[in-house]
Amino acid sequence: MKDILETIILNLVENKEVVEIKEIDNEKSIVFEVKVAQEEMGKIIGKQGKLAKSIRNVMKAVASKEQKRISVEFIG
């Protein structure tokens, strides 16, 4: 799942070296903390948060196959 999220994020940003994705795995849930450069946060979040919501929806669909709950947090 991390590789799917990484592919999405890396295709959205220009400064790929700064991207850092941390995975916190519990029994029934997974939390991804996505850290990008401060000036790239607008590209990740999108207008009115629509892009961030779409990324979360894609990841929830992937996680549902494994019966896990997923959360994606964006850190600037």
PDB file of N, CA and C in Angstrom:
ATOM      1  N   MET A   1       0.815  -1.200   0.000  1.00  0.00           N
ATOM      2  CA  MET A   1       0.000   0.000   0.000  1.00  0.00           C
ATOM      3  C   MET A   1       0.856   1.260   0.000  1.00  0.00           C
ATOM      4  N   LYS A   2       1.966   1.188   0.697  1.00  0.00           N
ATOM      5  CA  LYS A   2       2.842   2.358   0.771  1.00  0.00           C
ATOM      6  C   LYS A   2       3.358   2.736  -0.610  1.00  0.00           C
ATOM      7  N   ASP A   3       3.654   1.732  -1.431  1.00  0.00           N
ATOM      8  CA  ASP A   3       4.177   2.020  -2.766  1.00  0.00           C
ATOM      9  C   ASP A   3       3.148   2.717  -3.660  1.00  0.00           C
ATOM     10  N   ILE A   4       1.875   2.402  -3.473  1.00  0.00           N
ATOM     11  CA  ILE A   4       0.822   3.077  -4.241  1.00  0.00           C
ATOM     12  C   ILE A   4       0.748   4.548  -3.849  1.00  0.00           C
ATOM     13  N   LEU A   5       0.753   4.797  -2.534  1.00  0.00           N
ATOM     14  CA  LEU A   5       0.716   6.175  -2.041  1.00  0.00           C
ATOM     15  C   LEU A   5       1.953   6.945  -2.495  1.00  0.00           C
ATOM     16  N   GLU A   6       3.101   6.299  -2.438  1.00  0.00           N
ATOM     17  CA  GLU A   6       4.352   6.937  -2.849  1.00  0.00           C
ATOM     18  C   GLU A   6       4.311   7.317  -4.329  1.00  0.00           C
ATOM     19  N   THR A   7       3.780   6.456  -5.171  1.00  0.00           N
ATOM     20  CA  THR A   7       3.663   6.739  -6.595  1.00  0.00           C
ATOM     21  C   THR A   7       2.782   7.954  -6.846  1.00  0.00           C
ATOM     22  N   ILE A   8       1.657   8.019  -6.147  1.00  0.00           N
ATOM     23  CA  ILE A   8       0.738   9.147  -6.305  1.00  0.00           C
ATOM     24  C   ILE A   8       1.419  10.447  -5.897  1.00  0.00           C
ATOM     25  N   ILE A   9       2.037  10.459  -4.721  1.00  0.00           N
ATOM     26  CA  ILE A   9       2.650  11.679  -4.188  1.00  0.00           C
ATOM     27  C   ILE A   9       3.814  12.131  -5.052  1.00  0.00           C
ATOM     28  N   LEU A  10       4.675  11.203  -5.454  1.00  0.00           N
ATOM     29  CA  LEU A  10       5.853  11.576  -6.244  1.00  0.00           C
ATOM     30  C   LEU A  10       5.479  12.152  -7.607  1.00  0.00           C
ATOM     31  N   ASN A  11       4.340  11.757  -8.141  1.00  0.00           N
ATOM     32  CA  ASN A  11       3.903  12.311  -9.421  1.00  0.00           C
ATOM     33  C   ASN A  11       3.287  13.697  -9.288  1.00  0.00           C
ATOM     34  N   LEU A  12       2.977  14.109  -8.068  1.00  0.00           N
ATOM     35  CA  LEU A  12       2.374  15.419  -7.851  1.00  0.00           C
ATOM     36  C   LEU A  12       3.388  16.511  -7.517  1.00  0.00           C
ATOM     37  N   VAL A  13       4.523  16.138  -6.948  1.00  0.00           N
ATOM     38  CA  VAL A  13       5.485  17.144  -6.483  1.00  0.00           C
ATOM     39  C   VAL A  13       6.678  17.245  -7.427  1.00  0.00           C
ATOM     40  N   GLU A  14       7.367  18.369  -7.350  1.00  0.00           N
ATOM     41  CA  GLU A  14       8.577  18.567  -8.145  1.00  0.00           C
ATOM     42  C   GLU A  14       9.827  18.192  -7.347  1.00  0.00           C
ATOM     43  N   ASN A  15       9.830  18.491  -6.052  1.00  0.00           N
ATOM     44  CA  ASN A  15      10.980  18.235  -5.188  1.00  0.00           C
ATOM     45  C   ASN A  15      10.836  16.848  -4.563  1.00  0.00           C
ATOM     46  N   LYS A  16      11.185  15.809  -5.319  1.00  0.00           N
ATOM     47  CA  LYS A  16      10.960  14.427  -4.909  1.00  0.00           C
ATOM     48  C   LYS A  16      11.882  13.962  -3.785  1.00  0.00           C
ATOM     49  N   GLU A  17      13.019  14.621  -3.597  1.00  0.00           N
ATOM     50  CA  GLU A  17      13.981  14.199  -2.575  1.00  0.00           C
ATOM     51  C   GLU A  17      13.467  14.454  -1.163  1.00  0.00           C
ATOM     52  N   VAL A  18      12.590  15.427  -1.012  1.00  0.00           N
ATOM     53  CA  VAL A  18      12.102  15.819   0.308  1.00  0.00           C
ATOM     54  C   VAL A  18      10.931  14.944   0.769  1.00  0.00           C
ATOM     55  N   VAL A  19      10.282  14.245  -0.155  1.00  0.00           N
ATOM     56  CA  VAL A  19       9.096  13.447   0.184  1.00  0.00           C
ATOM     57  C   VAL A  19       9.489  12.325   1.141  1.00  0.00           C
ATOM     58  N   GLU A  20       8.722  12.235   2.223  1.00  0.00           N
ATOM     59  CA  GLU A  20       8.967  11.211   3.235  1.00  0.00           C
ATOM     60  C   GLU A  20       7.616  10.643   3.653  1.00  0.00           C
ATOM     61  N   ILE A  21       7.470   9.323   3.558  1.00  0.00           N
ATOM     62  CA  ILE A  21       6.221   8.669   3.929  1.00  0.00           C
ATOM     63  C   ILE A  21       6.518   7.693   5.058  1.00  0.00           C
ATOM     64  N   LYS A  22       5.865   7.935   6.190  1.00  0.00           N
ATOM     65  CA  LYS A  22       6.061   7.109   7.382  1.00  0.00           C
ATOM     66  C   LYS A  22       4.812   6.263   7.592  1.00  0.00           C
ATOM     67  N   GLU A  23       4.994   4.972   7.780  1.00  0.00           N
ATOM     68  CA  GLU A  23       3.868   4.056   7.950  1.00  0.00           C
ATOM     69  C   GLU A  23       3.810   3.577   9.397  1.00  0.00           C
ATOM     70  N   ILE A  24       2.666   3.782  10.035  1.00  0.00           N
ATOM     71  CA  ILE A  24       2.446   3.318  11.398  1.00  0.00           C
ATOM     72  C   ILE A  24       1.358   2.256  11.321  1.00  0.00           C
ATOM     73  N   ASP A  25       1.741   1.006  11.583  1.00  0.00           N
ATOM     74  CA  ASP A  25       0.841  -0.129  11.387  1.00  0.00           C
ATOM     75  C   ASP A  25       0.366  -0.677  12.731  1.00  0.00           C
ATOM     76  N   ASN A  26      -0.946  -0.722  12.915  1.00  0.00           N
ATOM     77  CA  ASN A  26      -1.555  -1.338  14.087  1.00  0.00           C
ATOM     78  C   ASN A  26      -2.273  -2.605  13.630  1.00  0.00           C
ATOM     79  N   GLU A  27      -2.962  -3.269  14.544  1.00  0.00           N
ATOM     80  CA  GLU A  27      -3.660  -4.505  14.191  1.00  0.00           C
ATOM     81  C   GLU A  27      -4.707  -4.289  13.104  1.00  0.00           C
ATOM     82  N   LYS A  28      -5.567  -3.291  13.306  1.00  0.00           N
ATOM     83  CA  LYS A  28      -6.677  -3.104  12.379  1.00  0.00           C
ATOM     84  C   LYS A  28      -6.588  -1.817  11.577  1.00  0.00           C
ATOM     85  N   SER A  29      -5.565  -1.028  11.796  1.00  0.00           N
ATOM     86  CA  SER A  29      -5.478   0.246  11.075  1.00  0.00           C
ATOM     87  C   SER A  29      -4.038   0.560  10.683  1.00  0.00           C
ATOM     88  N   ILE A  30      -3.927   1.393   9.675  1.00  0.00           N
ATOM     89  CA  ILE A  30      -2.629   1.868   9.199  1.00  0.00           C
ATOM     90  C   ILE A  30      -2.722   3.381   9.072  1.00  0.00           C
ATOM     91  N   VAL A  31      -1.700   4.077   9.572  1.00  0.00           N
ATOM     92  CA  VAL A  31      -1.632   5.529   9.447  1.00  0.00           C
ATOM     93  C   VAL A  31      -0.405   5.856   8.608  1.00  0.00           C
ATOM     94  N   PHE A  32      -0.613   6.624   7.556  1.00  0.00           N
ATOM     95  CA  PHE A  32       0.488   7.100   6.726  1.00  0.00           C
ATOM     96  C   PHE A  32       0.677   8.584   7.007  1.00  0.00           C
ATOM     97  N   GLU A  33       1.897   8.969   7.358  1.00  0.00           N
ATOM     98  CA  GLU A  33       2.230  10.379   7.535  1.00  0.00           C
ATOM     99  C   GLU A  33       3.072  10.797   6.338  1.00  0.00           C
ATOM    100  N   VAL A  34       2.526  11.669   5.524  1.00  0.00           N
ATOM    101  CA  VAL A  34       3.185  12.123   4.301  1.00  0.00           C
ATOM    102  C   VAL A  34       3.789  13.492   4.564  1.00  0.00           C
ATOM    103  N   LYS A  35       5.096  13.581   4.413  1.00  0.00           N
ATOM    104  CA  LYS A  35       5.794  14.851   4.629  1.00  0.00           C
ATOM    105  C   LYS A  35       6.384  15.308   3.302  1.00  0.00           C
ATOM    106  N   VAL A  36       6.031  16.532   2.914  1.00  0.00           N
ATOM    107  CA  VAL A  36       6.560  17.125   1.683  1.00  0.00           C
ATOM    108  C   VAL A  36       7.087  18.515   2.012  1.00  0.00           C
ATOM    109  N   ALA A  37       7.760  19.125   1.063  1.00  0.00           N
ATOM    110  CA  ALA A  37       8.256  20.485   1.254  1.00  0.00           C
ATOM    111  C   ALA A  37       7.077  21.436   1.468  1.00  0.00           C
ATOM    112  N   GLN A  38       7.279  22.443   2.283  1.00  0.00           N
ATOM    113  CA  GLN A  38       6.210  23.373   2.636  1.00  0.00           C
ATOM    114  C   GLN A  38       5.591  24.031   1.391  1.00  0.00           C
ATOM    115  N   GLU A  39       6.416  24.374   0.415  1.00  0.00           N
ATOM    116  CA  GLU A  39       5.895  25.040  -0.783  1.00  0.00           C
ATOM    117  C   GLU A  39       5.121  24.084  -1.697  1.00  0.00           C
ATOM    118  N   GLU A  40       5.207  22.784  -1.456  1.00  0.00           N
ATOM    119  CA  GLU A  40       4.510  21.791  -2.264  1.00  0.00           C
ATOM    120  C   GLU A  40       3.170  21.357  -1.644  1.00  0.00           C
ATOM    121  N   MET A  41       2.864  21.811  -0.431  1.00  0.00           N
ATOM    122  CA  MET A  41       1.648  21.379   0.253  1.00  0.00           C
ATOM    123  C   MET A  41       0.390  21.729  -0.541  1.00  0.00           C
ATOM    124  N   GLY A  42       0.396  22.865  -1.206  1.00  0.00           N
ATOM    125  CA  GLY A  42      -0.765  23.264  -2.001  1.00  0.00           C
ATOM    126  C   GLY A  42      -1.059  22.292  -3.124  1.00  0.00           C
ATOM    127  N   LYS A  43      -0.012  21.726  -3.716  1.00  0.00           N
ATOM    128  CA  LYS A  43      -0.196  20.762  -4.795  1.00  0.00           C
ATOM    129  C   LYS A  43      -0.801  19.460  -4.270  1.00  0.00           C
ATOM    130  N   ILE A  44      -0.429  19.085  -3.063  1.00  0.00           N
ATOM    131  CA  ILE A  44      -0.910  17.835  -2.482  1.00  0.00           C
ATOM    132  C   ILE A  44      -2.353  17.978  -1.989  1.00  0.00           C
ATOM    133  N   ILE A  45      -2.665  19.102  -1.372  1.00  0.00           N
ATOM    134  CA  ILE A  45      -3.992  19.300  -0.802  1.00  0.00           C
ATOM    135  C   ILE A  45      -5.016  19.663  -1.879  1.00  0.00           C
ATOM    136  N   GLY A  46      -4.629  20.487  -2.824  1.00  0.00           N
ATOM    137  CA  GLY A  46      -5.541  20.874  -3.899  1.00  0.00           C
ATOM    138  C   GLY A  46      -6.526  21.939  -3.444  1.00  0.00           C
ATOM    139  N   LYS A  47      -7.339  22.393  -4.379  1.00  0.00           N
ATOM    140  CA  LYS A  47      -8.331  23.422  -4.059  1.00  0.00           C
ATOM    141  C   LYS A  47      -9.391  22.848  -3.138  1.00  0.00           C
ATOM    142  N   GLN A  48      -9.589  23.521  -2.020  1.00  0.00           N
ATOM    143  CA  GLN A  48     -10.570  23.144  -1.003  1.00  0.00           C
ATOM    144  C   GLN A  48     -10.361  21.711  -0.505  1.00  0.00           C
ATOM    145  N   GLY A  49      -9.145  21.198  -0.612  1.00  0.00           N
ATOM    146  CA  GLY A  49      -8.833  19.872  -0.092  1.00  0.00           C
ATOM    147  C   GLY A  49      -9.332  18.719  -0.937  1.00  0.00           C
ATOM    148  N   LYS A  50      -9.734  18.995  -2.158  1.00  0.00           N
ATOM    149  CA  LYS A  50     -10.306  17.952  -3.009  1.00  0.00           C
ATOM    150  C   LYS A  50      -9.283  16.886  -3.400  1.00  0.00           C
ATOM    151  N   LEU A  51      -8.064  17.292  -3.688  1.00  0.00           N
ATOM    152  CA  LEU A  51      -7.045  16.325  -4.081  1.00  0.00           C
ATOM    153  C   LEU A  51      -6.665  15.441  -2.900  1.00  0.00           C
ATOM    154  N   ALA A  52      -6.529  16.025  -1.719  1.00  0.00           N
ATOM    155  CA  ALA A  52      -6.205  15.245  -0.520  1.00  0.00           C
ATOM    156  C   ALA A  52      -7.324  14.236  -0.234  1.00  0.00           C
ATOM    157  N   LYS A  53      -8.561  14.662  -0.404  1.00  0.00           N
ATOM    158  CA  LYS A  53      -9.698  13.772  -0.177  1.00  0.00           C
ATOM    159  C   LYS A  53      -9.680  12.624  -1.183  1.00  0.00           C
ATOM    160  N   SER A  54      -9.331  12.924  -2.421  1.00  0.00           N
ATOM    161  CA  SER A  54      -9.261  11.887  -3.452  1.00  0.00           C
ATOM    162  C   SER A  54      -8.161  10.872  -3.144  1.00  0.00           C
ATOM    163  N   ILE A  55      -7.020  11.363  -2.675  1.00  0.00           N
ATOM    164  CA  ILE A  55      -5.917  10.462  -2.312  1.00  0.00           C
ATOM    165  C   ILE A  55      -6.366   9.547  -1.175  1.00  0.00           C
ATOM    166  N   ARG A  56      -7.040  10.109  -0.186  1.00  0.00           N
ATOM    167  CA  ARG A  56      -7.537   9.298   0.936  1.00  0.00           C
ATOM    168  C   ARG A  56      -8.550   8.256   0.463  1.00  0.00           C
ATOM    169  N   ASN A  57      -9.421   8.629  -0.471  1.00  0.00           N
ATOM    170  CA  ASN A  57     -10.420   7.683  -0.985  1.00  0.00           C
ATOM    171  C   ASN A  57      -9.774   6.520  -1.728  1.00  0.00           C
ATOM    172  N   VAL A  58      -8.759   6.805  -2.523  1.00  0.00           N
ATOM    173  CA  VAL A  58      -8.047   5.743  -3.245  1.00  0.00           C
ATOM    174  C   VAL A  58      -7.389   4.791  -2.251  1.00  0.00           C
ATOM    175  N   MET A  59      -6.760   5.351  -1.233  1.00  0.00           N
ATOM    176  CA  MET A  59      -6.079   4.515  -0.245  1.00  0.00           C
ATOM    177  C   MET A  59      -7.069   3.695   0.584  1.00  0.00           C
ATOM    178  N   LYS A  60      -8.235   4.251   0.862  1.00  0.00           N
ATOM    179  CA  LYS A  60      -9.260   3.492   1.591  1.00  0.00           C
ATOM    180  C   LYS A  60      -9.759   2.323   0.753  1.00  0.00           C
ATOM    181  N   ALA A  61      -9.879   2.527  -0.541  1.00  0.00           N
ATOM    182  CA  ALA A  61     -10.307   1.444  -1.430  1.00  0.00           C
ATOM    183  C   ALA A  61      -9.270   0.321  -1.448  1.00  0.00           C
ATOM    184  N   VAL A  62      -8.005   0.680  -1.472  1.00  0.00           N
ATOM    185  CA  VAL A  62      -6.935  -0.321  -1.460  1.00  0.00           C
ATOM    186  C   VAL A  62      -6.924  -1.063  -0.128  1.00  0.00           C
ATOM    187  N   ALA A  63      -7.114  -0.346   0.973  1.00  0.00           N
ATOM    188  CA  ALA A  63      -7.079  -0.945   2.303  1.00  0.00           C
ATOM    189  C   ALA A  63      -8.277  -1.842   2.566  1.00  0.00           C
ATOM    190  N   SER A  64      -9.399  -1.568   1.926  1.00  0.00           N
ATOM    191  CA  SER A  64     -10.594  -2.377   2.167  1.00  0.00           C
ATOM    192  C   SER A  64     -10.399  -3.826   1.717  1.00  0.00           C
ATOM    193  N   LYS A  65      -9.528  -4.051   0.761  1.00  0.00           N
ATOM    194  CA  LYS A  65      -9.238  -5.415   0.324  1.00  0.00           C
ATOM    195  C   LYS A  65      -8.557  -6.218   1.425  1.00  0.00           C
ATOM    196  N   GLU A  66      -7.830  -5.535   2.292  1.00  0.00           N
ATOM    197  CA  GLU A  66      -7.114  -6.197   3.384  1.00  0.00           C
ATOM    198  C   GLU A  66      -7.847  -6.075   4.718  1.00  0.00           C
ATOM    199  N   GLN A  67      -9.086  -5.604   4.696  1.00  0.00           N
ATOM    200  CA  GLN A  67      -9.904  -5.403   5.890  1.00  0.00           C
ATOM    201  C   GLN A  67      -9.185  -4.563   6.945  1.00  0.00           C
ATOM    202  N   LYS A  68      -8.567  -3.491   6.512  1.00  0.00           N
ATOM    203  CA  LYS A  68      -7.903  -2.569   7.430  1.00  0.00           C
ATOM    204  C   LYS A  68      -8.451  -1.170   7.224  1.00  0.00           C
ATOM    205  N   ARG A  69      -8.386  -0.378   8.277  1.00  0.00           N
ATOM    206  CA  ARG A  69      -8.759   1.035   8.184  1.00  0.00           C
ATOM    207  C   ARG A  69      -7.484   1.803   7.902  1.00  0.00           C
ATOM    208  N   ILE A  70      -7.610   2.863   7.139  1.00  0.00           N
ATOM    209  CA  ILE A  70      -6.425   3.617   6.753  1.00  0.00           C
ATOM    210  C   ILE A  70      -6.663   5.099   6.975  1.00  0.00           C
ATOM    211  N   SER A  71      -5.592   5.783   7.325  1.00  0.00           N
ATOM    212  CA  SER A  71      -5.640   7.229   7.515  1.00  0.00           C
ATOM    213  C   SER A  71      -4.386   7.809   6.870  1.00  0.00           C
ATOM    214  N   VAL A  72      -4.583   8.894   6.124  1.00  0.00           N
ATOM    215  CA  VAL A  72      -3.460   9.581   5.481  1.00  0.00           C
ATOM    216  C   VAL A  72      -3.397  10.990   6.027  1.00  0.00           C
ATOM    217  N   GLU A  73      -2.262  11.340   6.645  1.00  0.00           N
ATOM    218  CA  GLU A  73      -2.071  12.670   7.208  1.00  0.00           C
ATOM    219  C   GLU A  73      -0.968  13.371   6.433  1.00  0.00           C
ATOM    220  N   PHE A  74      -1.211  14.639   6.101  1.00  0.00           N
ATOM    221  CA  PHE A  74      -0.242  15.411   5.340  1.00  0.00           C
ATOM    222  C   PHE A  74       0.447  16.387   6.279  1.00  0.00           C
ATOM    223  N   ILE A  75       1.779  16.316   6.336  1.00  0.00           N
ATOM    224  CA  ILE A  75       2.578  17.154   7.231  1.00  0.00           C
ATOM    225  C   ILE A  75       3.475  18.036   6.375  1.00  0.00           C
ATOM    226  N   GLY A  76       3.438  19.334   6.647  1.00  0.00           N
ATOM    227  CA  GLY A  76       4.221  20.289   5.859  1.00  0.00           C
ATOM    228  C   GLY A  76       5.615  20.474   6.332  1.00  0.00           C
TER     229      GLY A  76
END
